[in-house]
Structures are given as C-alpha cells and as structure tokens.
C-alpha cells in the first residue's frame, strides 16, 4: 500500500484507489449527502492511471491536472524576467 499526495509516485501501480472522507453525492438527495463519515473513507474511483484519466469528470483526472498546473507555475517562478 502506498499513500501519496504527489501523484507521479503512483502512476505505474497496478491499481490506484481514490478515497474521499465524504459520502458519495449520488446516494440520496437529502441533507446527509455531504456529512463527514466518521467510520473511514470511501473508495470513489479505482483503476490504472490510464483508465482513471479517461474519466474527464473524475477526481483523479482533476487532481492530475491541478498538479500539472501547479508544477508549471512553480517552474516558471522567477523565469519571467526575460533574461
């Protein structure tokens, strides 16, 4: 088991599980949809890196894109002076 915040760490693993500590919003449309689950986390997505990226609306896809954007901004800091 590997727990990672930097997603490049898990890119080549056989199975990736995306966890959330909130209830799935597709259960019921009542006030309890977004309550914190005190018993643990939910698996909301699972698959390989490539299969998870195919779901353009998925959390994994969003996290990968956010890390790419963040990484690009970090690598450009201080390099915008034209020298």
PDB file of N, CA and C in Angstrom:
ATOM      1  N   UNK A   1       0.860  -1.175   0.000  1.00  0.00           N
ATOM      2  CA  UNK A   1       0.000   0.000   0.000  1.00  0.00           C
ATOM      3  C   UNK A   1       0.896   1.224   0.000  1.00  0.00           C
ATOM      4  N   UNK A   2       0.595   2.142  -0.898  1.00  0.00           N
ATOM      5  CA  UNK A   2       1.308   3.411  -0.976  1.00  0.00           C
ATOM      6  C   UNK A   2       0.282   4.524  -0.847  1.00  0.00           C
ATOM      7  N   UNK A   3       0.541   5.466   0.022  1.00  0.00           N
ATOM      8  CA  UNK A   3      -0.305   6.652   0.148  1.00  0.00           C
ATOM      9  C   UNK A   3       0.515   7.818  -0.370  1.00  0.00           C
ATOM     10  N   UNK A   4      -0.039   8.546  -1.342  1.00  0.00           N
ATOM     11  CA  UNK A   4       0.756   9.594  -1.980  1.00  0.00           C
ATOM     12  C   UNK A   4      -0.063  10.846  -2.226  1.00  0.00           C
ATOM     13  N   UNK A   5       0.576  11.971  -2.043  1.00  0.00           N
ATOM     14  CA  UNK A   5      -0.015  13.251  -2.424  1.00  0.00           C
ATOM     15  C   UNK A   5       0.533  13.686  -3.778  1.00  0.00           C
ATOM     16  N   UNK A   6       1.775  13.301  -4.072  1.00  0.00           N
ATOM     17  CA  UNK A   6       2.354  13.574  -5.386  1.00  0.00           C
ATOM     18  C   UNK A   6       1.989  12.385  -6.273  1.00  0.00           C
ATOM     19  N   UNK A   7       1.095  12.603  -7.210  1.00  0.00           N
ATOM     20  CA  UNK A   7       0.502  11.511  -7.964  1.00  0.00           C
ATOM     21  C   UNK A   7       1.475  10.821  -8.909  1.00  0.00           C
ATOM     22  N   UNK A   8       2.569  11.466  -9.268  1.00  0.00           N
ATOM     23  CA  UNK A   8       3.566  10.809 -10.114  1.00  0.00           C
ATOM     24  C   UNK A   8       4.172   9.600  -9.397  1.00  0.00           C
ATOM     25  N   UNK A   9       4.092   9.578  -8.082  1.00  0.00           N
ATOM     26  CA  UNK A   9       4.606   8.470  -7.277  1.00  0.00           C
ATOM     27  C   UNK A   9       3.859   7.173  -7.565  1.00  0.00           C
ATOM     28  N   UNK A  10       2.583   7.254  -7.887  1.00  0.00           N
ATOM     29  CA  UNK A  10       1.757   6.050  -8.038  1.00  0.00           C
ATOM     30  C   UNK A  10       1.373   5.756  -9.482  1.00  0.00           C
ATOM     31  N   UNK A  11       1.889   6.511 -10.419  1.00  0.00           N
ATOM     32  CA  UNK A  11       1.484   6.410 -11.823  1.00  0.00           C
ATOM     33  C   UNK A  11       1.541   4.981 -12.370  1.00  0.00           C
ATOM     34  N   UNK A  12       2.553   4.209 -12.029  1.00  0.00           N
ATOM     35  CA  UNK A  12       2.756   2.884 -12.621  1.00  0.00           C
ATOM     36  C   UNK A  12       2.264   1.734 -11.744  1.00  0.00           C
ATOM     37  N   UNK A  13       1.523   2.033 -10.703  1.00  0.00           N
ATOM     38  CA  UNK A  13       0.977   0.975  -9.842  1.00  0.00           C
ATOM     39  C   UNK A  13      -0.136   0.218 -10.571  1.00  0.00           C
ATOM     40  N   UNK A  14      -0.357  -1.044 -10.166  1.00  0.00           N
ATOM     41  CA  UNK A  14      -1.372  -1.882 -10.811  1.00  0.00           C
ATOM     42  C   UNK A  14      -2.781  -1.352 -10.615  1.00  0.00           C
ATOM     43  N   UNK A  15      -3.086  -0.930  -9.400  1.00  0.00           N
ATOM     44  CA  UNK A  15      -4.415  -0.403  -9.090  1.00  0.00           C
ATOM     45  C   UNK A  15      -4.261   0.819  -8.207  1.00  0.00           C
ATOM     46  N   UNK A  16      -4.989   1.865  -8.574  1.00  0.00           N
ATOM     47  CA  UNK A  16      -4.998   3.104  -7.805  1.00  0.00           C
ATOM     48  C   UNK A  16      -6.398   3.271  -7.237  1.00  0.00           C
ATOM     49  N   UNK A  17      -6.484   3.553  -5.950  1.00  0.00           N
ATOM     50  CA  UNK A  17      -7.758   3.827  -5.300  1.00  0.00           C
ATOM     51  C   UNK A  17      -7.802   5.300  -4.933  1.00  0.00           C
ATOM     52  N   UNK A  18      -8.866   5.972  -5.322  1.00  0.00           N
ATOM     53  CA  UNK A  18      -9.074   7.371  -4.946  1.00  0.00           C
ATOM     54  C   UNK A  18     -10.072   7.361  -3.802  1.00  0.00           C
ATOM     55  N   UNK A  19      -9.677   7.931  -2.671  1.00  0.00           N
ATOM     56  CA  UNK A  19     -10.508   7.916  -1.470  1.00  0.00           C
ATOM     57  C   UNK A  19     -11.070   9.292  -1.171  1.00  0.00           C
ATOM     58  N   UNK A  20     -12.224   9.301  -0.532  1.00  0.00           N
ATOM     59  CA  UNK A  20     -12.821  10.540  -0.056  1.00  0.00           C
ATOM     60  C   UNK A  20     -13.375  10.292   1.333  1.00  0.00           C
ATOM     61  N   UNK A  21     -13.283  11.284   2.194  1.00  0.00           N
ATOM     62  CA  UNK A  21     -13.844  11.132   3.537  1.00  0.00           C
ATOM     63  C   UNK A  21     -15.266  11.658   3.603  1.00  0.00           C
ATOM     64  N   UNK A  22     -15.840  11.969   2.472  1.00  0.00           N
ATOM     65  CA  UNK A  22     -17.235  12.420   2.407  1.00  0.00           C
ATOM     66  C   UNK A  22     -18.078  11.354   1.724  1.00  0.00           C
ATOM     67  N   UNK A  23     -19.358  11.324   2.080  1.00  0.00           N
ATOM     68  CA  UNK A  23     -20.260  10.370   1.448  1.00  0.00           C
ATOM     69  C   UNK A  23     -20.413  10.692  -0.020  1.00  0.00           C
ATOM     70  N   UNK A  24     -20.678   9.668  -0.802  1.00  0.00           N
ATOM     71  CA  UNK A  24     -20.900   9.874  -2.229  1.00  0.00           C
ATOM     72  C   UNK A  24     -22.174  10.670  -2.428  1.00  0.00           C
ATOM     73  N   UNK A  25     -22.139  11.629  -3.325  1.00  0.00           N
ATOM     74  CA  UNK A  25     -23.281  12.520  -3.528  1.00  0.00           C
ATOM     75  C   UNK A  25     -24.378  11.877  -4.358  1.00  0.00           C
ATOM     76  N   UNK A  26     -24.141  10.672  -4.913  1.00  0.00           N
ATOM     77  CA  UNK A  26     -25.172  10.043  -5.727  1.00  0.00           C
ATOM     78  C   UNK A  26     -26.079   9.114  -4.922  1.00  0.00           C
ATOM     79  N   UNK A  27     -25.910   9.064  -3.590  1.00  0.00           N
ATOM     80  CA  UNK A  27     -26.737   8.174  -2.770  1.00  0.00           C
ATOM     81  C   UNK A  27     -28.189   8.632  -2.707  1.00  0.00           C
ATOM     82  N   UNK A  28     -28.434   9.741  -2.073  1.00  0.00           N
ATOM     83  CA  UNK A  28     -29.768  10.317  -1.920  1.00  0.00           C
ATOM     84  C   UNK A  28     -29.638  11.818  -1.946  1.00  0.00           C
ATOM     85  N   UNK A  29     -30.692  12.496  -2.299  1.00  0.00           N
ATOM     86  CA  UNK A  29     -30.664  13.960  -2.262  1.00  0.00           C
ATOM     87  C   UNK A  29     -31.269  14.452  -0.962  1.00  0.00           C
ATOM     88  N   UNK A  30     -30.601  14.162   0.137  1.00  0.00           N
ATOM     89  CA  UNK A  30     -31.062  14.674   1.421  1.00  0.00           C
ATOM     90  C   UNK A  30     -29.933  15.441   2.087  1.00  0.00           C
ATOM     91  N   UNK A  31     -30.159  15.966   3.244  1.00  0.00           N
ATOM     92  CA  UNK A  31     -29.182  16.824   3.910  1.00  0.00           C
ATOM     93  C   UNK A  31     -27.949  16.080   4.395  1.00  0.00           C
ATOM     94  N   UNK A  32     -27.959  14.755   4.375  1.00  0.00           N
ATOM     95  CA  UNK A  32     -26.830  13.991   4.875  1.00  0.00           C
ATOM     96  C   UNK A  32     -25.804  13.666   3.799  1.00  0.00           C
ATOM     97  N   UNK A  33     -26.011  14.126   2.561  1.00  0.00           N
ATOM     98  CA  UNK A  33     -25.110  13.757   1.469  1.00  0.00           C
ATOM     99  C   UNK A  33     -23.667  14.125   1.728  1.00  0.00           C
ATOM    100  N   UNK A  34     -23.409  15.269   2.322  1.00  0.00           N
ATOM    101  CA  UNK A  34     -22.040  15.734   2.468  1.00  0.00           C
ATOM    102  C   UNK A  34     -21.529  15.677   3.897  1.00  0.00           C
ATOM    103  N   UNK A  35     -22.174  14.913   4.764  1.00  0.00           N
ATOM    104  CA  UNK A  35     -21.684  14.837   6.136  1.00  0.00           C
ATOM    105  C   UNK A  35     -20.400  14.016   6.181  1.00  0.00           C
ATOM    106  N   UNK A  36     -19.557  14.328   7.131  1.00  0.00           N
ATOM    107  CA  UNK A  36     -18.299  13.610   7.293  1.00  0.00           C
ATOM    108  C   UNK A  36     -18.595  12.191   7.767  1.00  0.00           C
ATOM    109  N   UNK A  37     -17.945  11.222   7.160  1.00  0.00           N
ATOM    110  CA  UNK A  37     -18.080   9.826   7.559  1.00  0.00           C
ATOM    111  C   UNK A  37     -17.041   9.545   8.636  1.00  0.00           C
ATOM    112  N   UNK A  38     -17.469   9.390   9.860  1.00  0.00           N
ATOM    113  CA  UNK A  38     -16.550   9.172  10.974  1.00  0.00           C
ATOM    114  C   UNK A  38     -15.994   7.757  11.022  1.00  0.00           C
ATOM    115  N   UNK A  39     -16.480   6.875  10.176  1.00  0.00           N
ATOM    116  CA  UNK A  39     -16.033   5.491  10.195  1.00  0.00           C
ATOM    117  C   UNK A  39     -14.910   5.228   9.209  1.00  0.00           C
ATOM    118  N   UNK A  40     -14.487   6.200   8.421  1.00  0.00           N
ATOM    119  CA  UNK A  40     -13.409   5.997   7.461  1.00  0.00           C
ATOM    120  C   UNK A  40     -13.709   6.662   6.140  1.00  0.00           C
ATOM    121  N   UNK A  41     -12.954   6.275   5.142  1.00  0.00           N
ATOM    122  CA  UNK A  41     -13.079   6.884   3.824  1.00  0.00           C
ATOM    123  C   UNK A  41     -13.818   5.965   2.868  1.00  0.00           C
ATOM    124  N   UNK A  42     -14.332   6.560   1.804  1.00  0.00           N
ATOM    125  CA  UNK A  42     -14.989   5.827   0.737  1.00  0.00           C
ATOM    126  C   UNK A  42     -14.057   5.731  -0.461  1.00  0.00           C
ATOM    127  N   UNK A  43     -14.058   4.591  -1.147  1.00  0.00           N
ATOM    128  CA  UNK A  43     -13.376   4.474  -2.431  1.00  0.00           C
ATOM    129  C   UNK A  43     -14.320   5.060  -3.466  1.00  0.00           C
ATOM    130  N   UNK A  44     -13.903   6.135  -4.116  1.00  0.00           N
ATOM    131  CA  UNK A  44     -14.780   6.783  -5.087  1.00  0.00           C
ATOM    132  C   UNK A  44     -14.364   6.503  -6.528  1.00  0.00           C
ATOM    133  N   UNK A  45     -13.115   6.083  -6.731  1.00  0.00           N
ATOM    134  CA  UNK A  45     -12.631   5.683  -8.050  1.00  0.00           C
ATOM    135  C   UNK A  45     -11.536   4.647  -7.858  1.00  0.00           C
ATOM    136  N   UNK A  46     -11.394   3.761  -8.842  1.00  0.00           N
ATOM    137  CA  UNK A  46     -10.284   2.824  -8.815  1.00  0.00           C
ATOM    138  C   UNK A  46      -9.961   2.391 -10.229  1.00  0.00           C
ATOM    139  N   UNK A  47      -8.694   2.091 -10.460  1.00  0.00           N
ATOM    140  CA  UNK A  47      -8.246   1.645 -11.771  1.00  0.00           C
ATOM    141  C   UNK A  47      -6.779   1.943 -11.959  1.00  0.00           C
ATOM    142  N   UNK A  48      -6.309   1.793 -13.194  1.00  0.00           N
ATOM    143  CA  UNK A  48      -4.935   2.166 -13.518  1.00  0.00           C
ATOM    144  C   UNK A  48      -4.886   3.662 -13.782  1.00  0.00           C
ATOM    145  N   UNK A  49      -3.681   4.192 -13.858  1.00  0.00           N
ATOM    146  CA  UNK A  49      -3.510   5.618 -14.163  1.00  0.00           C
ATOM    147  C   UNK A  49      -4.235   5.961 -15.469  1.00  0.00           C
ATOM    148  N   UNK A  50      -3.996   5.164 -16.513  1.00  0.00           N
ATOM    149  CA  UNK A  50      -4.600   5.451 -17.817  1.00  0.00           C
ATOM    150  C   UNK A  50      -6.119   5.342 -17.792  1.00  0.00           C
ATOM    151  N   UNK A  51      -6.646   4.322 -17.110  1.00  0.00           N
ATOM    152  CA  UNK A  51      -8.107   4.166 -17.078  1.00  0.00           C
ATOM    153  C   UNK A  51      -8.769   5.278 -16.271  1.00  0.00           C
ATOM    154  N   UNK A  52      -8.124   5.726 -15.207  1.00  0.00           N
ATOM    155  CA  UNK A  52      -8.689   6.813 -14.402  1.00  0.00           C
ATOM    156  C   UNK A  52      -8.650   8.142 -15.155  1.00  0.00           C
ATOM    157  N   UNK A  53      -7.639   8.345 -15.987  1.00  0.00           N
ATOM    158  CA  UNK A  53      -7.557   9.589 -16.761  1.00  0.00           C
ATOM    159  C   UNK A  53      -8.626   9.675 -17.840  1.00  0.00           C
ATOM    160  N   UNK A  54      -9.162   8.531 -18.266  1.00  0.00           N
ATOM    161  CA  UNK A  54     -10.209   8.534 -19.295  1.00  0.00           C
ATOM    162  C   UNK A  54     -11.494   9.180 -18.798  1.00  0.00           C
ATOM    163  N   UNK A  55     -11.723   9.165 -17.491  1.00  0.00           N
ATOM    164  CA  UNK A  55     -12.912   9.789 -16.911  1.00  0.00           C
ATOM    165  C   UNK A  55     -12.624  11.274 -16.706  1.00  0.00           C
ATOM    166  N   UNK A  56     -12.977  12.085 -17.691  1.00  0.00           N
ATOM    167  CA  UNK A  56     -12.669  13.525 -17.666  1.00  0.00           C
ATOM    168  C   UNK A  56     -13.355  14.250 -16.509  1.00  0.00           C
ATOM    169  N   UNK A  57     -14.415  13.670 -15.943  1.00  0.00           N
ATOM    170  CA  UNK A  57     -15.132  14.277 -14.820  1.00  0.00           C
ATOM    171  C   UNK A  57     -14.701  13.694 -13.476  1.00  0.00           C
ATOM    172  N   UNK A  58     -13.708  12.819 -13.491  1.00  0.00           N
ATOM    173  CA  UNK A  58     -13.292  12.145 -12.270  1.00  0.00           C
ATOM    174  C   UNK A  58     -12.375  12.984 -11.399  1.00  0.00           C
ATOM    175  N   UNK A  59     -12.320  12.619 -10.137  1.00  0.00           N
ATOM    176  CA  UNK A  59     -11.478  13.307  -9.163  1.00  0.00           C
ATOM    177  C   UNK A  59     -10.001  13.109  -9.499  1.00  0.00           C
ATOM    178  N   UNK A  60      -9.613  11.894  -9.887  1.00  0.00           N
ATOM    179  CA  UNK A  60      -8.211  11.624 -10.222  1.00  0.00           C
ATOM    180  C   UNK A  60      -7.763  12.505 -11.386  1.00  0.00           C
ATOM    181  N   UNK A  61      -8.575  12.585 -12.423  1.00  0.00           N
ATOM    182  CA  UNK A  61      -8.262  13.434 -13.583  1.00  0.00           C
ATOM    183  C   UNK A  61      -8.082  14.882 -13.141  1.00  0.00           C
ATOM    184  N   UNK A  62      -8.969  15.364 -12.292  1.00  0.00           N
ATOM    185  CA  UNK A  62      -8.887  16.734 -11.781  1.00  0.00           C
ATOM    186  C   UNK A  62      -7.599  16.946 -10.975  1.00  0.00           C
ATOM    187  N   UNK A  63      -7.264  15.978 -10.114  1.00  0.00           N
ATOM    188  CA  UNK A  63      -6.060  16.118  -9.291  1.00  0.00           C
ATOM    189  C   UNK A  63      -4.796  16.117 -10.149  1.00  0.00           C
ATOM    190  N   UNK A  64      -4.752  15.260 -11.163  1.00  0.00           N
ATOM    191  CA  UNK A  64      -3.594  15.223 -12.067  1.00  0.00           C
ATOM    192  C   UNK A  64      -3.435  16.569 -12.761  1.00  0.00           C
ATOM    193  N   UNK A  65      -4.528  17.110 -13.288  1.00  0.00           N
ATOM    194  CA  UNK A  65      -4.458  18.405 -13.974  1.00  0.00           C
ATOM    195  C   UNK A  65      -4.059  19.524 -13.027  1.00  0.00           C
ATOM    196  N   UNK A  66      -4.581  19.510 -11.807  1.00  0.00           N
ATOM    197  CA  UNK A  66      -4.212  20.533 -10.821  1.00  0.00           C
ATOM    198  C   UNK A  66      -2.726  20.465 -10.481  1.00  0.00           C
ATOM    199  N   UNK A  67      -2.182  19.252 -10.368  1.00  0.00           N
ATOM    200  CA  UNK A  67      -0.756  19.132 -10.066  1.00  0.00           C
ATOM    201  C   UNK A  67       0.102  19.578 -11.244  1.00  0.00           C
ATOM    202  N   UNK A  68      -0.356  19.325 -12.469  1.00  0.00           N
ATOM    203  CA  UNK A  68       0.386  19.792 -13.646  1.00  0.00           C
ATOM    204  C   UNK A  68       0.425  21.311 -13.680  1.00  0.00           C
ATOM    205  N   UNK A  69      -0.722  21.941 -13.433  1.00  0.00           N
ATOM    206  CA  UNK A  69      -0.803  23.405 -13.438  1.00  0.00           C
ATOM    207  C   UNK A  69       0.081  23.982 -12.339  1.00  0.00           C
ATOM    208  N   UNK A  70      -0.005  23.402 -11.147  1.00  0.00           N
ATOM    209  CA  UNK A  70       0.796  23.867 -10.015  1.00  0.00           C
ATOM    210  C   UNK A  70       2.286  23.705 -10.305  1.00  0.00           C
ATOM    211  N   UNK A  71       2.661  22.596 -10.903  1.00  0.00           N
ATOM    212  CA  UNK A  71       4.053  22.336 -11.231  1.00  0.00           C
ATOM    213  C   UNK A  71       4.564  23.321 -12.275  1.00  0.00           C
ATOM    214  N   UNK A  72       3.738  23.619 -13.279  1.00  0.00           N
ATOM    215  CA  UNK A  72       4.129  24.579 -14.311  1.00  0.00           C
ATOM    216  C   UNK A  72       4.316  25.968 -13.731  1.00  0.00           C
ATOM    217  N   UNK A  73       3.428  26.373 -12.827  1.00  0.00           N
ATOM    218  CA  UNK A  73       3.550  27.691 -12.196  1.00  0.00           C
ATOM    219  C   UNK A  73       4.817  27.763 -11.361  1.00  0.00           C
ATOM    220  N   UNK A  74       5.124  26.693 -10.636  1.00  0.00           N
ATOM    221  CA  UNK A  74       6.313  26.669  -9.785  1.00  0.00           C
ATOM    222  C   UNK A  74       7.587  26.747 -10.613  1.00  0.00           C
ATOM    223  N   UNK A  75       7.616  26.043 -11.749  1.00  0.00           N
ATOM    224  CA  UNK A  75       8.827  26.041 -12.564  1.00  0.00           C
ATOM    225  C   UNK A  75       9.020  27.357 -13.298  1.00  0.00           C
ATOM    226  N   UNK A  76       7.958  28.149 -13.471  1.00  0.00           N
ATOM    227  CA  UNK A  76       8.063  29.437 -14.145  1.00  0.00           C
ATOM    228  C   UNK A  76       8.371  30.585 -13.200  1.00  0.00           C
ATOM    229  N   UNK A  77       8.247  30.378 -11.896  1.00  0.00           N
ATOM    230  CA  UNK A  77       8.520  31.454 -10.932  1.00  0.00           C
ATOM    231  C   UNK A  77       9.963  31.917 -11.062  1.00  0.00           C
ATOM    232  N   UNK A  78      10.137  33.217 -11.212  1.00  0.00           N
ATOM    233  CA  UNK A  78      11.468  33.780 -11.319  1.00  0.00           C
ATOM    234  C   UNK A  78      12.058  33.719 -12.709  1.00  0.00           C
ATOM    235  N   UNK A  79      11.362  33.074 -13.646  1.00  0.00           N
ATOM    236  CA  UNK A  79      11.873  32.956 -15.002  1.00  0.00           C
ATOM    237  C   UNK A  79      11.179  33.889 -15.970  1.00  0.00           C
ATOM    238  N   UNK A  80      10.372  34.790 -15.479  1.00  0.00           N
ATOM    239  CA  UNK A  80       9.606  35.679 -16.341  1.00  0.00           C
ATOM    240  C   UNK A  80      10.292  37.017 -16.558  1.00  0.00           C
ATOM    241  N   UNK A  81      11.564  37.127 -16.203  1.00  0.00           N
ATOM    242  CA  UNK A  81      12.230  38.418 -16.299  1.00  0.00           C
ATOM    243  C   UNK A  81      12.875  38.664 -17.656  1.00  0.00           C
ATOM    244  N   UNK A  82      12.757  37.702 -18.570  1.00  0.00           N
ATOM    245  CA  UNK A  82      13.241  37.892 -19.921  1.00  0.00           C
ATOM    246  C   UNK A  82      14.739  37.731 -20.075  1.00  0.00           C
ATOM    247  N   UNK A  83      15.452  37.325 -19.047  1.00  0.00           N
ATOM    248  CA  UNK A  83      16.902  37.173 -19.178  1.00  0.00           C
ATOM    249  C   UNK A  83      17.289  35.743 -19.485  1.00  0.00           C
TER     250      UNK A  83
END
